[in-house]
Amino acid sequence: MCAVYLILSISLLRIIIGTGLLSHGVHLLLITMGGLPKGEEAPPLLGEHSAKGHIVHLPQALILTAIVISFGVTAFFLVLAYRVYQELGTDDVESMREHVDHWA
């Protein structure tokens, strides 16, 4: 709810923080869906005919990649917002629309 509230605000910086918060919330959701093996704790080694206790590392690798991409996109958005603030002198989205209307 906090992420959606921040995304729907007028300030550009709050929108960026909201998207970062939402993306990390999705990362946590996906990593918990990967799950842990139930029952006895066993090392992640394959036995003779059984794969009990084997943990699949693919969800963890995909989430790690998604976190790195999310940080890169957030950094790009912050640089873009800073440049817009330098040009227009505001981070208010409604004010930015007025400036864009004057350019068109």
PDB file of N, CA and C in Angstrom:
ATOM      1  N   MET A   1       0.821  -1.182   0.000  1.00  0.00           N
ATOM      2  CA  MET A   1       0.000   0.000   0.000  1.00  0.00           C
ATOM      3  C   MET A   1       0.869   1.251   0.000  1.00  0.00           C
ATOM      4  N   CYS A   2       1.971   1.183   0.727  1.00  0.00           N
ATOM      5  CA  CYS A   2       2.851   2.354   0.758  1.00  0.00           C
ATOM      6  C   CYS A   2       3.422   2.657  -0.633  1.00  0.00           C
ATOM      7  N   ALA A   3       3.790   1.610  -1.364  1.00  0.00           N
ATOM      8  CA  ALA A   3       4.349   1.809  -2.699  1.00  0.00           C
ATOM      9  C   ALA A   3       3.317   2.410  -3.643  1.00  0.00           C
ATOM     10  N   VAL A   4       2.094   1.918  -3.603  1.00  0.00           N
ATOM     11  CA  VAL A   4       1.041   2.463  -4.470  1.00  0.00           C
ATOM     12  C   VAL A   4       0.740   3.905  -4.091  1.00  0.00           C
ATOM     13  N   TYR A   5       0.705   4.206  -2.796  1.00  0.00           N
ATOM     14  CA  TYR A   5       0.482   5.582  -2.344  1.00  0.00           C
ATOM     15  C   TYR A   5       1.575   6.508  -2.863  1.00  0.00           C
ATOM     16  N   LEU A   6       2.825   6.069  -2.793  1.00  0.00           N
ATOM     17  CA  LEU A   6       3.923   6.905  -3.269  1.00  0.00           C
ATOM     18  C   LEU A   6       3.894   7.057  -4.791  1.00  0.00           C
ATOM     19  N   ILE A   7       3.534   6.003  -5.505  1.00  0.00           N
ATOM     20  CA  ILE A   7       3.481   6.088  -6.967  1.00  0.00           C
ATOM     21  C   ILE A   7       2.388   7.052  -7.423  1.00  0.00           C
ATOM     22  N   LEU A   8       1.287   7.121  -6.685  1.00  0.00           N
ATOM     23  CA  LEU A   8       0.186   7.995  -7.072  1.00  0.00           C
ATOM     24  C   LEU A   8       0.350   9.439  -6.606  1.00  0.00           C
ATOM     25  N   SER A   9       1.468   9.764  -5.960  1.00  0.00           N
ATOM     26  CA  SER A   9       1.673  11.134  -5.493  1.00  0.00           C
ATOM     27  C   SER A   9       2.126  12.035  -6.644  1.00  0.00           C
ATOM     28  N   ILE A  10       2.265  13.313  -6.353  1.00  0.00           N
ATOM     29  CA  ILE A  10       2.589  14.294  -7.387  1.00  0.00           C
ATOM     30  C   ILE A  10       4.099  14.495  -7.529  1.00  0.00           C
ATOM     31  N   SER A  11       4.842  14.273  -6.451  1.00  0.00           N
ATOM     32  CA  SER A  11       6.282  14.501  -6.462  1.00  0.00           C
ATOM     33  C   SER A  11       7.001  13.394  -7.222  1.00  0.00           C
ATOM     34  N   LEU A  12       7.920  13.783  -8.081  1.00  0.00           N
ATOM     35  CA  LEU A  12       8.658  12.823  -8.891  1.00  0.00           C
ATOM     36  C   LEU A  12       9.553  11.938  -8.032  1.00  0.00           C
ATOM     37  N   LEU A  13      10.145  12.491  -6.996  1.00  0.00           N
ATOM     38  CA  LEU A  13      11.004  11.703  -6.117  1.00  0.00           C
ATOM     39  C   LEU A  13      10.200  10.636  -5.366  1.00  0.00           C
ATOM     40  N   ARG A  14       9.000  10.977  -4.951  1.00  0.00           N
ATOM     41  CA  ARG A  14       8.149   9.983  -4.280  1.00  0.00           C
ATOM     42  C   ARG A  14       7.743   8.869  -5.238  1.00  0.00           C
ATOM     43  N   ILE A  15       7.516   9.193  -6.482  1.00  0.00           N
ATOM     44  CA  ILE A  15       7.171   8.180  -7.477  1.00  0.00           C
ATOM     45  C   ILE A  15       8.334   7.204  -7.658  1.00  0.00           C
ATOM     46  N   ILE A  16       9.547   7.708  -7.700  1.00  0.00           N
ATOM     47  CA  ILE A  16      10.724   6.855  -7.860  1.00  0.00           C
ATOM     48  C   ILE A  16      10.909   5.964  -6.638  1.00  0.00           C
ATOM     49  N   ILE A  17      10.747   6.510  -5.454  1.00  0.00           N
ATOM     50  CA  ILE A  17      10.862   5.709  -4.236  1.00  0.00           C
ATOM     51  C   ILE A  17       9.764   4.648  -4.192  1.00  0.00           C
ATOM     52  N   GLY A  18       8.561   4.991  -4.625  1.00  0.00           N
ATOM     53  CA  GLY A  18       7.460   4.031  -4.666  1.00  0.00           C
ATOM     54  C   GLY A  18       7.720   2.881  -5.617  1.00  0.00           C
ATOM     55  N   THR A  19       8.288   3.165  -6.792  1.00  0.00           N
ATOM     56  CA  THR A  19       8.598   2.083  -7.727  1.00  0.00           C
ATOM     57  C   THR A  19       9.692   1.177  -7.180  1.00  0.00           C
ATOM     58  N   GLY A  20      10.667   1.758  -6.507  1.00  0.00           N
ATOM     59  CA  GLY A  20      11.712   0.936  -5.881  1.00  0.00           C
ATOM     60  C   GLY A  20      11.154   0.068  -4.774  1.00  0.00           C
ATOM     61  N   LEU A  21      10.278   0.623  -3.970  1.00  0.00           N
ATOM     62  CA  LEU A  21       9.659  -0.134  -2.884  1.00  0.00           C
ATOM     63  C   LEU A  21       8.782  -1.260  -3.436  1.00  0.00           C
ATOM     64  N   LEU A  22       8.046  -0.981  -4.488  1.00  0.00           N
ATOM     65  CA  LEU A  22       7.193  -2.004  -5.099  1.00  0.00           C
ATOM     66  C   LEU A  22       8.030  -3.129  -5.710  1.00  0.00           C
ATOM     67  N   SER A  23       9.113  -2.779  -6.381  1.00  0.00           N
ATOM     68  CA  SER A  23       9.943  -3.813  -6.998  1.00  0.00           C
ATOM     69  C   SER A  23      10.595  -4.702  -5.947  1.00  0.00           C
ATOM     70  N   HIS A  24      11.040  -4.128  -4.837  1.00  0.00           N
ATOM     71  CA  HIS A  24      11.647  -4.956  -3.792  1.00  0.00           C
ATOM     72  C   HIS A  24      10.601  -5.801  -3.066  1.00  0.00           C
ATOM     73  N   GLY A  25       9.390  -5.303  -2.978  1.00  0.00           N
ATOM     74  CA  GLY A  25       8.314  -6.120  -2.426  1.00  0.00           C
ATOM     75  C   GLY A  25       8.022  -7.327  -3.298  1.00  0.00           C
ATOM     76  N   VAL A  26       8.054  -7.135  -4.606  1.00  0.00           N
ATOM     77  CA  VAL A  26       7.852  -8.254  -5.526  1.00  0.00           C
ATOM     78  C   VAL A  26       9.008  -9.244  -5.425  1.00  0.00           C
ATOM     79  N   HIS A  27      10.219  -8.732  -5.239  1.00  0.00           N
ATOM     80  CA  HIS A  27      11.366  -9.628  -5.070  1.00  0.00           C
ATOM     81  C   HIS A  27      11.184 -10.505  -3.833  1.00  0.00           C
ATOM     82  N   LEU A  28      10.751  -9.914  -2.735  1.00  0.00           N
ATOM     83  CA  LEU A  28      10.517 -10.692  -1.524  1.00  0.00           C
ATOM     84  C   LEU A  28       9.412 -11.722  -1.729  1.00  0.00           C
ATOM     85  N   LEU A  29       8.370 -11.347  -2.438  1.00  0.00           N
ATOM     86  CA  LEU A  29       7.285 -12.281  -2.716  1.00  0.00           C
ATOM     87  C   LEU A  29       7.780 -13.473  -3.526  1.00  0.00           C
ATOM     88  N   LEU A  30       8.571 -13.210  -4.546  1.00  0.00           N
ATOM     89  CA  LEU A  30       9.050 -14.294  -5.394  1.00  0.00           C
ATOM     90  C   LEU A  30      10.045 -15.197  -4.678  1.00  0.00           C
ATOM     91  N   ILE A  31      10.885 -14.634  -3.828  1.00  0.00           N
ATOM     92  CA  ILE A  31      11.861 -15.461  -3.124  1.00  0.00           C
ATOM     93  C   ILE A  31      11.170 -16.334  -2.085  1.00  0.00           C
ATOM     94  N   THR A  32      10.083 -15.858  -1.495  1.00  0.00           N
ATOM     95  CA  THR A  32       9.354 -16.706  -0.559  1.00  0.00           C
ATOM     96  C   THR A  32       8.556 -17.777  -1.296  1.00  0.00           C
ATOM     97  N   MET A  33       8.163 -17.522  -2.526  1.00  0.00           N
ATOM     98  CA  MET A  33       7.462 -18.545  -3.304  1.00  0.00           C
ATOM     99  C   MET A  33       8.400 -19.666  -3.714  1.00  0.00           C
ATOM    100  N   GLY A  34       9.718 -19.395  -3.738  1.00  0.00           N
ATOM    101  CA  GLY A  34      10.695 -20.443  -4.033  1.00  0.00           C
ATOM    102  C   GLY A  34      10.649 -21.535  -2.985  1.00  0.00           C
ATOM    103  N   GLY A  35      10.403 -21.140  -1.735  1.00  0.00           N
ATOM    104  CA  GLY A  35      10.172 -22.089  -0.658  1.00  0.00           C
ATOM    105  C   GLY A  35      11.402 -22.816  -0.164  1.00  0.00           C
ATOM    106  N   LEU A  36      11.220 -23.480   0.959  1.00  0.00           N
ATOM    107  CA  LEU A  36      12.236 -24.326   1.551  1.00  0.00           C
ATOM    108  C   LEU A  36      11.707 -25.748   1.576  1.00  0.00           C
ATOM    109  N   PRO A  37      12.598 -26.727   1.563  1.00  0.00           N
ATOM    110  CA  PRO A  37      12.114 -28.103   1.628  1.00  0.00           C
ATOM    111  C   PRO A  37      11.477 -28.383   2.984  1.00  0.00           C
ATOM    112  N   LYS A  38      10.412 -29.166   2.989  1.00  0.00           N
ATOM    113  CA  LYS A  38       9.717 -29.480   4.230  1.00  0.00           C
ATOM    114  C   LYS A  38      10.218 -30.808   4.769  1.00  0.00           C
ATOM    115  N   GLY A  39      10.142 -30.951   6.064  1.00  0.00           N
ATOM    116  CA  GLY A  39      10.575 -32.198   6.675  1.00  0.00           C
ATOM    117  C   GLY A  39      11.983 -32.074   7.214  1.00  0.00           C
ATOM    118  N   GLU A  40      12.730 -33.164   7.125  1.00  0.00           N
ATOM    119  CA  GLU A  40      14.084 -33.176   7.656  1.00  0.00           C
ATOM    120  C   GLU A  40      14.977 -32.241   6.855  1.00  0.00           C
ATOM    121  N   GLU A  41      15.864 -31.595   7.578  1.00  0.00           N
ATOM    122  CA  GLU A  41      16.842 -30.766   6.890  1.00  0.00           C
ATOM    123  C   GLU A  41      17.965 -31.669   6.411  1.00  0.00           C
ATOM    124  N   ALA A  42      18.228 -31.629   5.169  1.00  0.00           N
ATOM    125  CA  ALA A  42      19.276 -32.454   4.589  1.00  0.00           C
ATOM    126  C   ALA A  42      20.149 -31.579   3.707  1.00  0.00           C
ATOM    127  N   PRO A  43      21.392 -31.960   3.548  1.00  0.00           N
ATOM    128  CA  PRO A  43      22.237 -31.172   2.647  1.00  0.00           C
ATOM    129  C   PRO A  43      21.718 -31.263   1.218  1.00  0.00           C
ATOM    130  N   PRO A  44      21.926 -30.237   0.425  1.00  0.00           N
ATOM    131  CA  PRO A  44      21.396 -30.246  -0.946  1.00  0.00           C
ATOM    132  C   PRO A  44      22.201 -31.155  -1.876  1.00  0.00           C
ATOM    133  N   LEU A  45      22.282 -32.442  -1.507  1.00  0.00           N
ATOM    134  CA  LEU A  45      22.977 -33.430  -2.324  1.00  0.00           C
ATOM    135  C   LEU A  45      21.981 -34.487  -2.753  1.00  0.00           C
ATOM    136  N   LEU A  46      22.150 -34.993  -3.946  1.00  0.00           N
ATOM    137  CA  LEU A  46      21.254 -36.034  -4.437  1.00  0.00           C
ATOM    138  C   LEU A  46      21.686 -37.378  -3.866  1.00  0.00           C
ATOM    139  N   GLY A  47      20.695 -38.116  -3.354  1.00  0.00           N
ATOM    140  CA  GLY A  47      20.975 -39.451  -2.847  1.00  0.00           C
ATOM    141  C   GLY A  47      20.970 -40.457  -3.982  1.00  0.00           C
ATOM    142  N   GLU A  48      20.819 -41.712  -3.607  1.00  0.00           N
ATOM    143  CA  GLU A  48      20.817 -42.758  -4.627  1.00  0.00           C
ATOM    144  C   GLU A  48      19.616 -42.625  -5.571  1.00  0.00           C
ATOM    145  N   HIS A  49      18.400 -42.593  -4.971  1.00  0.00           N
ATOM    146  CA  HIS A  49      17.197 -42.531  -5.803  1.00  0.00           C
ATOM    147  C   HIS A  49      16.266 -41.413  -5.369  1.00  0.00           C
ATOM    148  N   SER A  50      16.733 -40.542  -4.533  1.00  0.00           N
ATOM    149  CA  SER A  50      15.850 -39.530  -3.971  1.00  0.00           C
ATOM    150  C   SER A  50      16.466 -38.147  -4.114  1.00  0.00           C
ATOM    151  N   ALA A  51      15.615 -37.179  -4.289  1.00  0.00           N
ATOM    152  CA  ALA A  51      16.067 -35.791  -4.367  1.00  0.00           C
ATOM    153  C   ALA A  51      15.495 -34.988  -3.206  1.00  0.00           C
ATOM    154  N   LYS A  52      15.168 -35.668  -2.084  1.00  0.00           N
ATOM    155  CA  LYS A  52      14.630 -34.956  -0.924  1.00  0.00           C
ATOM    156  C   LYS A  52      15.690 -34.019  -0.372  1.00  0.00           C
ATOM    157  N   GLY A  53      15.239 -32.850   0.006  1.00  0.00           N
ATOM    158  CA  GLY A  53      16.147 -31.878   0.609  1.00  0.00           C
ATOM    159  C   GLY A  53      16.942 -31.079  -0.396  1.00  0.00           C
ATOM    160  N   HIS A  54      16.735 -31.355  -1.653  1.00  0.00           N
ATOM    161  CA  HIS A  54      17.477 -30.605  -2.672  1.00  0.00           C
ATOM    162  C   HIS A  54      16.812 -29.260  -2.901  1.00  0.00           C
ATOM    163  N   ILE A  55      17.572 -28.209  -2.797  1.00  0.00           N
ATOM    164  CA  ILE A  55      17.055 -26.860  -2.977  1.00  0.00           C
ATOM    165  C   ILE A  55      17.383 -26.397  -4.392  1.00  0.00           C
ATOM    166  N   VAL A  56      16.390 -25.908  -5.070  1.00  0.00           N
ATOM    167  CA  VAL A  56      16.598 -25.374  -6.412  1.00  0.00           C
ATOM    168  C   VAL A  56      17.068 -23.935  -6.275  1.00  0.00           C
ATOM    169  N   HIS A  57      18.207 -23.618  -6.851  1.00  0.00           N
ATOM    170  CA  HIS A  57      18.788 -22.287  -6.704  1.00  0.00           C
ATOM    171  C   HIS A  57      18.385 -21.330  -7.826  1.00  0.00           C
ATOM    172  N   LEU A  58      17.604 -21.789  -8.770  1.00  0.00           N
ATOM    173  CA  LEU A  58      17.211 -20.929  -9.888  1.00  0.00           C
ATOM    174  C   LEU A  58      16.407 -19.713  -9.438  1.00  0.00           C
ATOM    175  N   PRO A  59      15.391 -19.835  -8.552  1.00  0.00           N
ATOM    176  CA  PRO A  59      14.680 -18.631  -8.116  1.00  0.00           C
ATOM    177  C   PRO A  59      15.588 -17.625  -7.429  1.00  0.00           C
ATOM    178  N   GLN A  60      16.539 -18.110  -6.650  1.00  0.00           N
ATOM    179  CA  GLN A  60      17.454 -17.202  -5.967  1.00  0.00           C
ATOM    180  C   GLN A  60      18.339 -16.461  -6.956  1.00  0.00           C
ATOM    181  N   ALA A  61      18.799 -17.147  -7.980  1.00  0.00           N
ATOM    182  CA  ALA A  61      19.639 -16.499  -8.995  1.00  0.00           C
ATOM    183  C   ALA A  61      18.839 -15.470  -9.790  1.00  0.00           C
ATOM    184  N   LEU A  62      17.597 -15.804 -10.112  1.00  0.00           N
ATOM    185  CA  LEU A  62      16.768 -14.867 -10.869  1.00  0.00           C
ATOM    186  C   LEU A  62      16.436 -13.629 -10.043  1.00  0.00           C
ATOM    187  N   ILE A  63      16.169 -13.805  -8.748  1.00  0.00           N
ATOM    188  CA  ILE A  63      15.877 -12.659  -7.892  1.00  0.00           C
ATOM    189  C   ILE A  63      17.111 -11.784  -7.735  1.00  0.00           C
ATOM    190  N   LEU A  64      18.281 -12.388  -7.597  1.00  0.00           N
ATOM    191  CA  LEU A  64      19.505 -11.596  -7.494  1.00  0.00           C
ATOM    192  C   LEU A  64      19.718 -10.757  -8.751  1.00  0.00           C
ATOM    193  N   THR A  65      19.459 -11.343  -9.913  1.00  0.00           N
ATOM    194  CA  THR A  65      19.563 -10.593 -11.161  1.00  0.00           C
ATOM    195  C   THR A  65      18.531  -9.471 -11.213  1.00  0.00           C
ATOM    196  N   ALA A  66      17.309  -9.758 -10.759  1.00  0.00           N
ATOM    197  CA  ALA A  66      16.258  -8.731 -10.762  1.00  0.00           C
ATOM    198  C   ALA A  66      16.591  -7.593  -9.802  1.00  0.00           C
ATOM    199  N   ILE A  67      17.221  -7.882  -8.673  1.00  0.00           N
ATOM    200  CA  ILE A  67      17.610  -6.832  -7.722  1.00  0.00           C
ATOM    201  C   ILE A  67      18.654  -5.921  -8.350  1.00  0.00           C
ATOM    202  N   VAL A  68      19.627  -6.496  -9.025  1.00  0.00           N
ATOM    203  CA  VAL A  68      20.672  -5.688  -9.668  1.00  0.00           C
ATOM    204  C   VAL A  68      20.065  -4.804 -10.758  1.00  0.00           C
ATOM    205  N   ILE A  69      19.176  -5.351 -11.561  1.00  0.00           N
ATOM    206  CA  ILE A  69      18.516  -4.562 -12.600  1.00  0.00           C
ATOM    207  C   ILE A  69      17.667  -3.458 -11.973  1.00  0.00           C
ATOM    208  N   SER A  70      16.982  -3.766 -10.881  1.00  0.00           N
ATOM    209  CA  SER A  70      16.156  -2.775 -10.200  1.00  0.00           C
ATOM    210  C   SER A  70      16.991  -1.612  -9.667  1.00  0.00           C
ATOM    211  N   PHE A  71      18.146  -1.918  -9.098  1.00  0.00           N
ATOM    212  CA  PHE A  71      19.019  -0.846  -8.628  1.00  0.00           C
ATOM    213  C   PHE A  71      19.508   0.025  -9.787  1.00  0.00           C
ATOM    214  N   GLY A  72      19.831  -0.595 -10.907  1.00  0.00           N
ATOM    215  CA  GLY A  72      20.270   0.168 -12.076  1.00  0.00           C
ATOM    216  C   GLY A  72      19.183   1.079 -12.619  1.00  0.00           C
ATOM    217  N   VAL A  73      17.967   0.570 -12.706  1.00  0.00           N
ATOM    218  CA  VAL A  73      16.845   1.371 -13.212  1.00  0.00           C
ATOM    219  C   VAL A  73      16.524   2.503 -12.238  1.00  0.00           C
ATOM    220  N   THR A  74      16.579   2.219 -10.934  1.00  0.00           N
ATOM    221  CA  THR A  74      16.325   3.264  -9.942  1.00  0.00           C
ATOM    222  C   THR A  74      17.387   4.357 -10.022  1.00  0.00           C
ATOM    223  N   ALA A  75      18.645   3.975 -10.200  1.00  0.00           N
ATOM    224  CA  ALA A  75      19.712   4.972 -10.342  1.00  0.00           C
ATOM    225  C   ALA A  75      19.494   5.824 -11.592  1.00  0.00           C
ATOM    226  N   PHE A  76      19.079   5.187 -12.694  1.00  0.00           N
ATOM    227  CA  PHE A  76      18.797   5.939 -13.915  1.00  0.00           C
ATOM    228  C   PHE A  76      17.652   6.917 -13.702  1.00  0.00           C
ATOM    229  N   PHE A  77      16.580   6.474 -13.038  1.00  0.00           N
ATOM    230  CA  PHE A  77      15.443   7.364 -12.764  1.00  0.00           C
ATOM    231  C   PHE A  77      15.858   8.538 -11.884  1.00  0.00           C
ATOM    232  N   LEU A  78      16.719   8.294 -10.897  1.00  0.00           N
ATOM    233  CA  LEU A  78      17.164   9.385 -10.027  1.00  0.00           C
ATOM    234  C   LEU A  78      17.990  10.417 -10.799  1.00  0.00           C
ATOM    235  N   VAL A  79      18.861   9.953 -11.685  1.00  0.00           N
ATOM    236  CA  VAL A  79      19.646  10.883 -12.502  1.00  0.00           C
ATOM    237  C   VAL A  79      18.738  11.659 -13.443  1.00  0.00           C
ATOM    238  N   LEU A  80      17.761  10.980 -14.017  1.00  0.00           N
ATOM    239  CA  LEU A  80      16.814  11.642 -14.909  1.00  0.00           C
ATOM    240  C   LEU A  80      15.987  12.685 -14.152  1.00  0.00           C
ATOM    241  N   ALA A  81      15.551  12.351 -12.942  1.00  0.00           N
ATOM    242  CA  ALA A  81      14.781  13.298 -12.138  1.00  0.00           C
ATOM    243  C   ALA A  81      15.631  14.508 -11.751  1.00  0.00           C
ATOM    244  N   TYR A  82      16.900  14.275 -11.437  1.00  0.00           N
ATOM    245  CA  TYR A  82      17.789  15.390 -11.088  1.00  0.00           C
ATOM    246  C   TYR A  82      17.978  16.324 -12.283  1.00  0.00           C
ATOM    247  N   ARG A  83      18.120  15.738 -13.467  1.00  0.00           N
ATOM    248  CA  ARG A  83      18.286  16.563 -14.672  1.00  0.00           C
ATOM    249  C   ARG A  83      17.022  17.363 -14.982  1.00  0.00           C
ATOM    250  N   VAL A  84      15.853  16.735 -14.788  1.00  0.00           N
ATOM    251  CA  VAL A  84      14.592  17.449 -14.991  1.00  0.00           C
ATOM    252  C   VAL A  84      14.459  18.582 -13.984  1.00  0.00           C
ATOM    253  N   TYR A  85      14.868  18.326 -12.737  1.00  0.00           N
ATOM    254  CA  TYR A  85      14.810  19.373 -11.712  1.00  0.00           C
ATOM    255  C   TYR A  85      15.747  20.528 -12.050  1.00  0.00           C
ATOM    256  N   GLN A  86      16.913  20.231 -12.608  1.00  0.00           N
ATOM    257  CA  GLN A  86      17.830  21.294 -13.018  1.00  0.00           C
ATOM    258  C   GLN A  86      17.231  22.132 -14.137  1.00  0.00           C
ATOM    259  N   GLU A  87      16.574  21.512 -15.095  1.00  0.00           N
ATOM    260  CA  GLU A  87      16.011  22.236 -16.239  1.00  0.00           C
ATOM    261  C   GLU A  87      14.758  23.024 -15.869  1.00  0.00           C
ATOM    262  N   LEU A  88      13.841  22.386 -15.103  1.00  0.00           N
ATOM    263  CA  LEU A  88      12.544  23.001 -14.855  1.00  0.00           C
ATOM    264  C   LEU A  88      12.434  23.669 -13.491  1.00  0.00           C
ATOM    265  N   GLY A  89      13.283  23.284 -12.559  1.00  0.00           N
ATOM    266  CA  GLY A  89      13.250  23.888 -11.235  1.00  0.00           C
ATOM    267  C   GLY A  89      12.150  23.355 -10.330  1.00  0.00           C
ATOM    268  N   THR A  90      11.540  22.228 -10.685  1.00  0.00           N
ATOM    269  CA  THR A  90      10.481  21.647  -9.876  1.00  0.00           C
ATOM    270  C   THR A  90      10.481  20.133 -10.048  1.00  0.00           C
ATOM    271  N   ASP A  91       9.913  19.453  -9.043  1.00  0.00           N
ATOM    272  CA  ASP A  91       9.717  18.017  -9.182  1.00  0.00           C
ATOM    273  C   ASP A  91       8.235  17.669  -9.166  1.00  0.00           C
ATOM    274  N   ASP A  92       7.397  18.671  -9.311  1.00  0.00           N
ATOM    275  CA  ASP A  92       5.952  18.491  -9.345  1.00  0.00           C
ATOM    276  C   ASP A  92       5.532  18.065 -10.748  1.00  0.00           C
ATOM    277  N   VAL A  93       4.848  16.935 -10.844  1.00  0.00           N
ATOM    278  CA  VAL A  93       4.470  16.384 -12.140  1.00  0.00           C
ATOM    279  C   VAL A  93       3.489  17.297 -12.867  1.00  0.00           C
ATOM    280  N   GLU A  94       2.570  17.915 -12.138  1.00  0.00           N
ATOM    281  CA  GLU A  94       1.600  18.831 -12.770  1.00  0.00           C
ATOM    282  C   GLU A  94       2.311  20.042 -13.367  1.00  0.00           C
ATOM    283  N   SER A  95       3.304  20.572 -12.685  1.00  0.00           N
ATOM    284  CA  SER A  95       4.064  21.709 -13.225  1.00  0.00           C
ATOM    285  C   SER A  95       4.853  21.299 -14.459  1.00  0.00           C
ATOM    286  N   MET A  96       5.333  20.066 -14.471  1.00  0.00           N
ATOM    287  CA  MET A  96       6.082  19.589 -15.633  1.00  0.00           C
ATOM    288  C   MET A  96       5.181  19.515 -16.866  1.00  0.00           C
ATOM    289  N   ARG A  97       3.916  19.156 -16.668  1.00  0.00           N
ATOM    290  CA  ARG A  97       2.986  19.109 -17.795  1.00  0.00           C
ATOM    291  C   ARG A  97       2.792  20.489 -18.398  1.00  0.00           C
ATOM    292  N   GLU A  98       2.747  21.518 -17.562  1.00  0.00           N
ATOM    293  CA  GLU A  98       2.611  22.889 -18.075  1.00  0.00           C
ATOM    294  C   GLU A  98       3.824  23.281 -18.894  1.00  0.00           C
ATOM    295  N   HIS A  99       5.025  22.900 -18.441  1.00  0.00           N
ATOM    296  CA  HIS A  99       6.239  23.206 -19.195  1.00  0.00           C
ATOM    297  C   HIS A  99       6.253  22.470 -20.522  1.00  0.00           C
ATOM    298  N   VAL A 100       5.793  21.245 -20.551  1.00  0.00           N
ATOM    299  CA  VAL A 100       5.755  20.474 -21.797  1.00  0.00           C
ATOM    300  C   VAL A 100       4.757  21.083 -22.762  1.00  0.00           C
ATOM    301  N   ASP A 101       3.615  21.568 -22.250  1.00  0.00           N
ATOM    302  CA  ASP A 101       2.621  22.218 -23.114  1.00  0.00           C
ATOM    303  C   ASP A 101       3.187  23.483 -23.752  1.00  0.00           C
ATOM    304  N   HIS A 102       4.053  24.208 -23.047  1.00  0.00           N
ATOM    305  CA  HIS A 102       4.658  25.413 -23.610  1.00  0.00           C
ATOM    306  C   HIS A 102       5.655  25.068 -24.697  1.00  0.00           C
ATOM    307  N   TRP A 103       6.318  23.907 -24.582  1.00  0.00           N
ATOM    308  CA  TRP A 103       7.306  23.513 -25.596  1.00  0.00           C
ATOM    309  C   TRP A 103       6.631  23.040 -26.875  1.00  0.00           C
ATOM    310  N   ALA A 104       5.434  22.504 -26.784  1.00  0.00           N
ATOM    311  CA  ALA A 104       4.775  21.931 -27.963  1.00  0.00           C
ATOM    312  C   ALA A 104       4.188  22.990 -28.866  1.00  0.00           C
TER     313      ALA A 104
END
